[in-house]
Amino acid sequence: MKHLVFLCSGGGGNLRFVHEAIRRRWLPDVKLVGVLTDRACAANDFARDHGIFECCMDFSVVGQEQVLETLQRLSPDAVVTNVHKILSPAFVAAYEGALINLHYSLLPAFGGVIGAMPVKRALEYGSTLLGVTAHQVSAEVDAGRPLVQAAIPVEPCDDADGVMDVVFRAGCLALLGALRRQLRDDKSAKARVLRVGGRDVLFNPFGVVTDDWEDEAFWAQLKSPAVGERARAQS
């Protein structure tokens, strides 16, 4: 059984997708053992609601020493670094080869910025392709080896807000493909065109696919707030 830890800063959409991928055995023999955040957010709520260890921690350069101590106790085989902080060289060295980040561009284009900003910059630049990159983390920001990339053709009516749903879905799938490569040594991976949010998106490489990803209800449930988040909103 491989152990996986998420480092998060926000709503935990990728976290929810990977949790569901494990449950449905798209990512078999993997256990999500921890969620560490740099602020109180929906990712903490989701982890608590599903019995996963979670902790809000200091991700400053000094504070990352405590994060590393926590990771050592969790003994992860892979760590998804979707936290809005730059990891120190010591942190990267401690888990070299095990850290996976998701970036919303075809790196190295539009590296060094977070969230939806790479998508906005790509559209402002006039790019004809948007994309996502799931990559290994190196000491240099957004410079690690790509594990999976996905290319999304830009349509004339696209704006950053409207296209982010497709980018999010493609990012989830790219992250799944990267985890399969990292944890399962996926031998079936090859270039594939998948239908994502009504568009043809090229993934390279990518392994086994499922029709579930074309089901709008599946993606809708990932965006629904965690139980704890709903409780907070109603209190």
C-alpha atoms as a PDB file:
ATOM      1  CA  MET A   1       0.000   0.000   0.000  1.00  0.00           C
ATOM      2  CA  LYS A   2       1.406   3.374  -1.076  1.00  0.00           C
ATOM      3  CA  HIS A   3       0.873   6.434   1.138  1.00  0.00           C
ATOM      4  CA  LEU A   4      -0.111   9.846  -0.256  1.00  0.00           C
ATOM      5  CA  VAL A   5      -0.138  13.276   1.436  1.00  0.00           C
ATOM      6  CA  PHE A   6      -1.652  16.529   0.103  1.00  0.00           C
ATOM      7  CA  LEU A   7      -0.328  20.006   0.875  1.00  0.00           C
ATOM      8  CA  CYS A   8      -3.235  22.427   0.289  1.00  0.00           C
ATOM      9  CA  SER A   9      -4.248  26.080   0.495  1.00  0.00           C
ATOM     10  CA  GLY A  10      -7.866  26.213  -0.615  1.00  0.00           C
ATOM     11  CA  GLY A  11     -11.010  24.389  -1.586  1.00  0.00           C
ATOM     12  CA  GLY A  12      -9.387  21.008  -2.108  1.00  0.00           C
ATOM     13  CA  GLY A  13     -10.936  20.230  -5.493  1.00  0.00           C
ATOM     14  CA  ASN A  14      -7.946  18.137  -6.605  1.00  0.00           C
ATOM     15  CA  LEU A  15      -7.897  16.492  -3.178  1.00  0.00           C
ATOM     16  CA  ARG A  16     -11.551  15.475  -3.549  1.00  0.00           C
ATOM     17  CA  PHE A  17     -10.908  14.111  -7.025  1.00  0.00           C
ATOM     18  CA  VAL A  18      -7.951  11.993  -5.911  1.00  0.00           C
ATOM     19  CA  HIS A  19      -9.899  10.732  -2.874  1.00  0.00           C
ATOM     20  CA  GLU A  20     -12.658   9.628  -5.252  1.00  0.00           C
ATOM     21  CA  ALA A  21     -10.103   8.097  -7.636  1.00  0.00           C
ATOM     22  CA  ILE A  22      -8.752   5.992  -4.785  1.00  0.00           C
ATOM     23  CA  ARG A  23     -12.270   4.985  -3.703  1.00  0.00           C
ATOM     24  CA  ARG A  24     -13.192   3.926  -7.252  1.00  0.00           C
ATOM     25  CA  ARG A  25      -9.849   2.144  -7.699  1.00  0.00           C
ATOM     26  CA  TRP A  26      -8.688   4.309 -10.565  1.00  0.00           C
ATOM     27  CA  LEU A  27      -5.651   4.645  -8.311  1.00  0.00           C
ATOM     28  CA  PRO A  28      -5.548   1.244  -6.557  1.00  0.00           C
ATOM     29  CA  ASP A  29      -3.524   0.264  -3.501  1.00  0.00           C
ATOM     30  CA  VAL A  30      -3.011   3.888  -2.479  1.00  0.00           C
ATOM     31  CA  LYS A  31      -4.051   5.416   0.857  1.00  0.00           C
ATOM     32  CA  LEU A  32      -4.517   9.126   1.500  1.00  0.00           C
ATOM     33  CA  VAL A  33      -2.869   9.496   4.916  1.00  0.00           C
ATOM     34  CA  GLY A  34      -2.671  13.248   5.476  1.00  0.00           C
ATOM     35  CA  VAL A  35      -3.702  16.764   4.448  1.00  0.00           C
ATOM     36  CA  LEU A  36      -1.463  19.619   5.574  1.00  0.00           C
ATOM     37  CA  THR A  37      -2.541  23.215   4.929  1.00  0.00           C
ATOM     38  CA  ASP A  38      -1.019  26.666   5.340  1.00  0.00           C
ATOM     39  CA  ARG A  39      -4.377  28.170   6.366  1.00  0.00           C
ATOM     40  CA  ALA A  40      -7.762  26.975   7.619  1.00  0.00           C
ATOM     41  CA  CYS A  41      -9.646  26.046   4.465  1.00  0.00           C
ATOM     42  CA  ALA A  42     -12.151  23.623   2.947  1.00  0.00           C
ATOM     43  CA  ALA A  43      -9.416  21.015   2.472  1.00  0.00           C
ATOM     44  CA  ASN A  44      -9.201  20.684   6.279  1.00  0.00           C
ATOM     45  CA  ASP A  45     -12.975  20.219   6.491  1.00  0.00           C
ATOM     46  CA  PHE A  46     -12.937  17.562   3.797  1.00  0.00           C
ATOM     47  CA  ALA A  47     -10.145  15.633   5.511  1.00  0.00           C
ATOM     48  CA  ARG A  48     -11.892  15.714   8.907  1.00  0.00           C
ATOM     49  CA  ASP A  49     -15.195  14.635   7.379  1.00  0.00           C
ATOM     50  CA  HIS A  50     -13.476  11.619   5.792  1.00  0.00           C
ATOM     51  CA  GLY A  51     -11.330  10.559   8.729  1.00  0.00           C
ATOM     52  CA  ILE A  52      -8.046  11.706   7.195  1.00  0.00           C
ATOM     53  CA  PHE A  53      -5.346  13.254   9.367  1.00  0.00           C
ATOM     54  CA  GLU A  54      -5.227  17.014   8.804  1.00  0.00           C
ATOM     55  CA  CYS A  55      -3.292  19.903  10.270  1.00  0.00           C
ATOM     56  CA  CYS A  56      -2.917  23.623   9.587  1.00  0.00           C
ATOM     57  CA  MET A  57       0.791  24.446   9.755  1.00  0.00           C
ATOM     58  CA  ASP A  58       3.357  27.217   9.314  1.00  0.00           C
ATOM     59  CA  PHE A  59       4.833  26.970   5.805  1.00  0.00           C
ATOM     60  CA  SER A  60       7.352  29.778   6.278  1.00  0.00           C
ATOM     61  CA  VAL A  61      10.940  28.724   5.635  1.00  0.00           C
ATOM     62  CA  VAL A  62      11.449  28.181   9.367  1.00  0.00           C
ATOM     63  CA  GLY A  63       8.075  26.512   9.830  1.00  0.00           C
ATOM     64  CA  GLN A  64       8.729  24.000   7.081  1.00  0.00           C
ATOM     65  CA  GLU A  65      11.024  22.127   9.459  1.00  0.00           C
ATOM     66  CA  GLN A  66       7.915  21.172  11.475  1.00  0.00           C
ATOM     67  CA  VAL A  67       6.078  20.252   8.281  1.00  0.00           C
ATOM     68  CA  LEU A  68       8.937  17.908   7.415  1.00  0.00           C
ATOM     69  CA  GLU A  69       8.735  16.322  10.852  1.00  0.00           C
ATOM     70  CA  THR A  70       5.026  15.686  10.334  1.00  0.00           C
ATOM     71  CA  LEU A  71       5.673  14.191   6.894  1.00  0.00           C
ATOM     72  CA  GLN A  72       8.280  11.870   8.364  1.00  0.00           C
ATOM     73  CA  ARG A  73       5.640  10.497  10.742  1.00  0.00           C
ATOM     74  CA  LEU A  74       3.191  10.000   7.854  1.00  0.00           C
ATOM     75  CA  SER A  75       5.854   8.270   5.685  1.00  0.00           C
ATOM     76  CA  PRO A  76       4.428   9.278   2.285  1.00  0.00           C
ATOM     77  CA  ASP A  77       5.513   7.715  -0.990  1.00  0.00           C
ATOM     78  CA  ALA A  78       4.257  10.823  -2.818  1.00  0.00           C
ATOM     79  CA  VAL A  79       3.317  14.364  -1.781  1.00  0.00           C
ATOM     80  CA  VAL A  80       1.061  16.622  -3.860  1.00  0.00           C
ATOM     81  CA  THR A  81       2.264  20.199  -3.299  1.00  0.00           C
ATOM     82  CA  ASN A  82      -0.876  22.239  -4.062  1.00  0.00           C
ATOM     83  CA  VAL A  83       0.032  24.744  -1.353  1.00  0.00           C
ATOM     84  CA  HIS A  84       0.527  28.423  -2.189  1.00  0.00           C
ATOM     85  CA  LYS A  85       4.013  28.569  -0.712  1.00  0.00           C
ATOM     86  CA  ILE A  86       7.482  28.065  -2.169  1.00  0.00           C
ATOM     87  CA  LEU A  87       9.090  24.999  -0.639  1.00  0.00           C
ATOM     88  CA  SER A  88      12.602  25.495   0.699  1.00  0.00           C
ATOM     89  CA  PRO A  89      15.584  23.765  -0.945  1.00  0.00           C
ATOM     90  CA  ALA A  90      15.953  21.641   2.207  1.00  0.00           C
ATOM     91  CA  PHE A  91      12.324  20.540   1.933  1.00  0.00           C
ATOM     92  CA  VAL A  92      12.696  19.636  -1.747  1.00  0.00           C
ATOM     93  CA  ALA A  93      15.937  17.753  -1.073  1.00  0.00           C
ATOM     94  CA  ALA A  94      14.322  15.743   1.733  1.00  0.00           C
ATOM     95  CA  TYR A  95      11.615  14.412  -0.603  1.00  0.00           C
ATOM     96  CA  GLU A  96      13.390  14.586  -3.946  1.00  0.00           C
ATOM     97  CA  GLY A  97      11.478  12.611  -6.555  1.00  0.00           C
ATOM     98  CA  ALA A  98       8.365  12.261  -4.377  1.00  0.00           C
ATOM     99  CA  LEU A  99       6.933  15.797  -4.705  1.00  0.00           C
ATOM    100  CA  ILE A 100       4.312  16.413  -7.414  1.00  0.00           C
ATOM    101  CA  ASN A 101       2.899  19.826  -8.300  1.00  0.00           C
ATOM    102  CA  LEU A 102       0.035  20.826 -10.607  1.00  0.00           C
ATOM    103  CA  HIS A 103       0.376  24.003 -12.675  1.00  0.00           C
ATOM    104  CA  TYR A 104      -2.244  25.477 -15.004  1.00  0.00           C
ATOM    105  CA  SER A 105      -0.040  25.983 -18.047  1.00  0.00           C
ATOM    106  CA  LEU A 106       2.102  24.038 -20.469  1.00  0.00           C
ATOM    107  CA  LEU A 107       5.329  24.601 -18.575  1.00  0.00           C
ATOM    108  CA  PRO A 108       7.756  26.230 -18.961  1.00  0.00           C
ATOM    109  CA  ALA A 109       5.282  28.804 -20.308  1.00  0.00           C
ATOM    110  CA  PHE A 110       3.817  31.104 -17.636  1.00  0.00           C
ATOM    111  CA  GLY A 111       5.677  29.516 -14.755  1.00  0.00           C
ATOM    112  CA  GLY A 112       6.130  31.194 -11.405  1.00  0.00           C
ATOM    113  CA  VAL A 113       2.516  32.269 -10.849  1.00  0.00           C
ATOM    114  CA  ILE A 114      -0.261  30.369  -9.090  1.00  0.00           C
ATOM    115  CA  GLY A 115      -3.943  29.528  -9.391  1.00  0.00           C
ATOM    116  CA  ALA A 116      -5.786  30.787 -12.464  1.00  0.00           C
ATOM    117  CA  MET A 117      -3.183  33.470 -13.245  1.00  0.00           C
ATOM    118  CA  PRO A 118      -1.297  31.335 -15.830  1.00  0.00           C
ATOM    119  CA  VAL A 119      -4.585  30.859 -17.727  1.00  0.00           C
ATOM    120  CA  LYS A 120      -5.300  34.590 -17.688  1.00  0.00           C
ATOM    121  CA  ARG A 121      -1.790  35.410 -18.893  1.00  0.00           C
ATOM    122  CA  ALA A 122      -1.975  32.812 -21.665  1.00  0.00           C
ATOM    123  CA  LEU A 123      -5.259  34.281 -22.946  1.00  0.00           C
ATOM    124  CA  GLU A 124      -3.912  37.842 -22.722  1.00  0.00           C
ATOM    125  CA  TYR A 125      -0.816  36.752 -24.654  1.00  0.00           C
ATOM    126  CA  GLY A 126      -2.959  35.251 -27.394  1.00  0.00           C
ATOM    127  CA  SER A 127      -1.957  31.620 -26.902  1.00  0.00           C
ATOM    128  CA  THR A 128      -3.869  29.162 -29.076  1.00  0.00           C
ATOM    129  CA  LEU A 129      -3.381  26.382 -26.525  1.00  0.00           C
ATOM    130  CA  LEU A 130      -4.002  26.414 -22.788  1.00  0.00           C
ATOM    131  CA  GLY A 131      -2.783  23.550 -20.684  1.00  0.00           C
ATOM    132  CA  VAL A 132      -1.894  21.904 -17.427  1.00  0.00           C
ATOM    133  CA  THR A 133       1.316  20.279 -16.254  1.00  0.00           C
ATOM    134  CA  ALA A 134       1.703  17.770 -13.435  1.00  0.00           C
ATOM    135  CA  HIS A 135       5.398  17.769 -12.677  1.00  0.00           C
ATOM    136  CA  GLN A 136       8.000  16.740 -10.181  1.00  0.00           C
ATOM    137  CA  VAL A 137       9.131  19.535  -7.875  1.00  0.00           C
ATOM    138  CA  SER A 138      12.664  20.879  -8.031  1.00  0.00           C
ATOM    139  CA  ALA A 139      14.431  23.614  -6.076  1.00  0.00           C
ATOM    140  CA  GLU A 140      13.734  26.016  -8.954  1.00  0.00           C
ATOM    141  CA  VAL A 141      10.053  27.031  -9.081  1.00  0.00           C
ATOM    142  CA  ASP A 142       7.993  25.256 -11.786  1.00  0.00           C
ATOM    143  CA  ALA A 143      11.110  23.751 -13.346  1.00  0.00           C
ATOM    144  CA  GLY A 144      10.796  20.075 -12.399  1.00  0.00           C
ATOM    145  CA  ARG A 145      10.410  17.249 -14.929  1.00  0.00           C
ATOM    146  CA  PRO A 146       6.882  17.040 -16.414  1.00  0.00           C
ATOM    147  CA  LEU A 147       5.057  13.787 -15.654  1.00  0.00           C
ATOM    148  CA  VAL A 148       1.833  14.490 -17.574  1.00  0.00           C
ATOM    149  CA  GLN A 149       0.815  17.464 -19.709  1.00  0.00           C
ATOM    150  CA  ALA A 150      -2.543  18.283 -21.286  1.00  0.00           C
ATOM    151  CA  ALA A 151      -3.192  20.722 -24.140  1.00  0.00           C
ATOM    152  CA  ILE A 152      -6.551  22.526 -24.405  1.00  0.00           C
ATOM    153  CA  PRO A 153      -7.380  24.360 -27.671  1.00  0.00           C
ATOM    154  CA  VAL A 154      -8.517  27.945 -27.135  1.00  0.00           C
ATOM    155  CA  GLU A 155     -11.900  28.849 -28.617  1.00  0.00           C
ATOM    156  CA  PRO A 156     -12.759  32.393 -29.826  1.00  0.00           C
ATOM    157  CA  CYS A 157     -15.230  33.042 -26.999  1.00  0.00           C
ATOM    158  CA  ASP A 158     -12.948  31.880 -24.192  1.00  0.00           C
ATOM    159  CA  ASP A 159     -12.275  34.033 -21.156  1.00  0.00           C
ATOM    160  CA  ALA A 160     -10.421  33.028 -18.010  1.00  0.00           C
ATOM    161  CA  ASP A 161     -13.528  32.531 -15.873  1.00  0.00           C
ATOM    162  CA  GLY A 162     -15.401  30.525 -18.479  1.00  0.00           C
ATOM    163  CA  VAL A 163     -12.582  28.157 -19.387  1.00  0.00           C
ATOM    164  CA  MET A 164     -11.422  27.398 -15.828  1.00  0.00           C
ATOM    165  CA  ASP A 165     -13.890  24.537 -15.429  1.00  0.00           C
ATOM    166  CA  VAL A 166     -12.245  22.676 -18.311  1.00  0.00           C
ATOM    167  CA  VAL A 167      -8.779  23.548 -16.979  1.00  0.00           C
ATOM    168  CA  PHE A 168      -9.728  22.253 -13.515  1.00  0.00           C
ATOM    169  CA  ARG A 169     -11.000  18.937 -14.914  1.00  0.00           C
ATOM    170  CA  ALA A 170      -7.938  18.528 -17.108  1.00  0.00           C
ATOM    171  CA  GLY A 171      -5.759  19.283 -14.086  1.00  0.00           C
ATOM    172  CA  CYS A 172      -7.466  16.578 -12.020  1.00  0.00           C
ATOM    173  CA  LEU A 173      -6.902  14.020 -14.761  1.00  0.00           C
ATOM    174  CA  ALA A 174      -3.294  15.085 -15.313  1.00  0.00           C
ATOM    175  CA  LEU A 175      -2.657  14.732 -11.584  1.00  0.00           C
ATOM    176  CA  LEU A 176      -4.214  11.260 -11.631  1.00  0.00           C
ATOM    177  CA  GLY A 177      -1.969  10.289 -14.525  1.00  0.00           C
ATOM    178  CA  ALA A 178       1.096  11.631 -12.706  1.00  0.00           C
ATOM    179  CA  LEU A 179       0.250   9.708  -9.538  1.00  0.00           C
ATOM    180  CA  ARG A 180      -0.225   6.544 -11.568  1.00  0.00           C
ATOM    181  CA  ARG A 181       3.245   7.028 -13.055  1.00  0.00           C
ATOM    182  CA  GLN A 182       4.788   7.875  -9.701  1.00  0.00           C
ATOM    183  CA  LEU A 183       3.073   5.267  -7.524  1.00  0.00           C
ATOM    184  CA  ARG A 184       1.915   2.509  -9.860  1.00  0.00           C
ATOM    185  CA  ASP A 185       4.509   2.610 -12.685  1.00  0.00           C
ATOM    186  CA  ASP A 186       1.675   2.714 -15.227  1.00  0.00           C
ATOM    187  CA  LYS A 187       2.738   0.708 -18.293  1.00  0.00           C
ATOM    188  CA  SER A 188      -0.385   1.551 -20.347  1.00  0.00           C
ATOM    189  CA  ALA A 189       0.332   5.280 -20.553  1.00  0.00           C
ATOM    190  CA  LYS A 190       0.422   6.833 -24.016  1.00  0.00           C
ATOM    191  CA  ALA A 191      -0.811   9.990 -25.734  1.00  0.00           C
ATOM    192  CA  ARG A 192      -4.624  10.093 -25.616  1.00  0.00           C
ATOM    193  CA  VAL A 193      -7.354  12.544 -26.568  1.00  0.00           C
ATOM    194  CA  LEU A 194     -10.045  12.669 -23.869  1.00  0.00           C
ATOM    195  CA  ARG A 195     -13.379  14.464 -23.950  1.00  0.00           C
ATOM    196  CA  VAL A 196     -13.237  16.958 -21.078  1.00  0.00           C
ATOM    197  CA  GLY A 197     -16.017  19.465 -20.434  1.00  0.00           C
ATOM    198  CA  GLY A 198     -17.231  19.167 -24.019  1.00  0.00           C
ATOM    199  CA  ARG A 199     -13.763  19.625 -25.538  1.00  0.00           C
ATOM    200  CA  ASP A 200     -11.124  17.330 -26.972  1.00  0.00           C
ATOM    201  CA  VAL A 201      -8.027  17.587 -24.768  1.00  0.00           C
ATOM    202  CA  LEU A 202      -4.719  15.906 -25.588  1.00  0.00           C
ATOM    203  CA  PHE A 203      -3.007  14.208 -22.628  1.00  0.00           C
ATOM    204  CA  ASN A 204       0.503  12.825 -22.834  1.00  0.00           C
ATOM    205  CA  PRO A 205       1.079  10.325 -21.404  1.00  0.00           C
ATOM    206  CA  PHE A 206      -2.105   8.862 -19.933  1.00  0.00           C
ATOM    207  CA  GLY A 207      -3.230   5.344 -19.018  1.00  0.00           C
ATOM    208  CA  VAL A 208      -6.605   3.692 -18.467  1.00  0.00           C
ATOM    209  CA  VAL A 209      -9.690   5.895 -18.940  1.00  0.00           C
ATOM    210  CA  THR A 210     -13.303   5.667 -17.743  1.00  0.00           C
ATOM    211  CA  ASP A 211     -16.600   7.014 -19.066  1.00  0.00           C
ATOM    212  CA  ASP A 212     -17.310   8.481 -15.609  1.00  0.00           C
ATOM    213  CA  TRP A 213     -15.288  11.563 -16.529  1.00  0.00           C
ATOM    214  CA  GLU A 214     -17.895  12.556 -19.118  1.00  0.00           C
ATOM    215  CA  ASP A 215     -20.632  12.531 -16.449  1.00  0.00           C
ATOM    216  CA  GLU A 216     -21.491  16.085 -15.340  1.00  0.00           C
ATOM    217  CA  ALA A 217     -22.877  14.793 -12.033  1.00  0.00           C
ATOM    218  CA  PHE A 218     -19.459  13.383 -11.163  1.00  0.00           C
ATOM    219  CA  TRP A 219     -17.743  16.762 -11.540  1.00  0.00           C
ATOM    220  CA  ALA A 220     -20.612  18.584  -9.787  1.00  0.00           C
ATOM    221  CA  GLN A 221     -20.128  16.524  -6.642  1.00  0.00           C
ATOM    222  CA  LEU A 222     -16.457  17.498  -6.484  1.00  0.00           C
ATOM    223  CA  LYS A 223     -17.461  21.154  -6.292  1.00  0.00           C
ATOM    224  CA  SER A 224     -20.059  20.664  -3.558  1.00  0.00           C
ATOM    225  CA  PRO A 225     -18.821  21.896  -0.172  1.00  0.00           C
ATOM    226  CA  ALA A 226     -17.644  19.448   2.443  1.00  0.00           C
ATOM    227  CA  VAL A 227     -20.011  18.674   5.318  1.00  0.00           C
ATOM    228  CA  GLY A 228     -18.022  20.747   7.766  1.00  0.00           C
ATOM    229  CA  GLU A 229     -17.935  23.700   5.384  1.00  0.00           C
ATOM    230  CA  ARG A 230     -21.718  23.570   4.992  1.00  0.00           C
ATOM    231  CA  ALA A 231     -22.137  23.459   8.763  1.00  0.00           C
ATOM    232  CA  ARG A 232     -19.956  26.550   9.149  1.00  0.00           C
ATOM    233  CA  ALA A 233     -21.937  28.432   6.526  1.00  0.00           C
ATOM    234  CA  GLN A 234     -25.224  27.626   8.261  1.00  0.00           C
ATOM    235  CA  SER A 235     -24.066  28.532  11.784  1.00  0.00           C
END
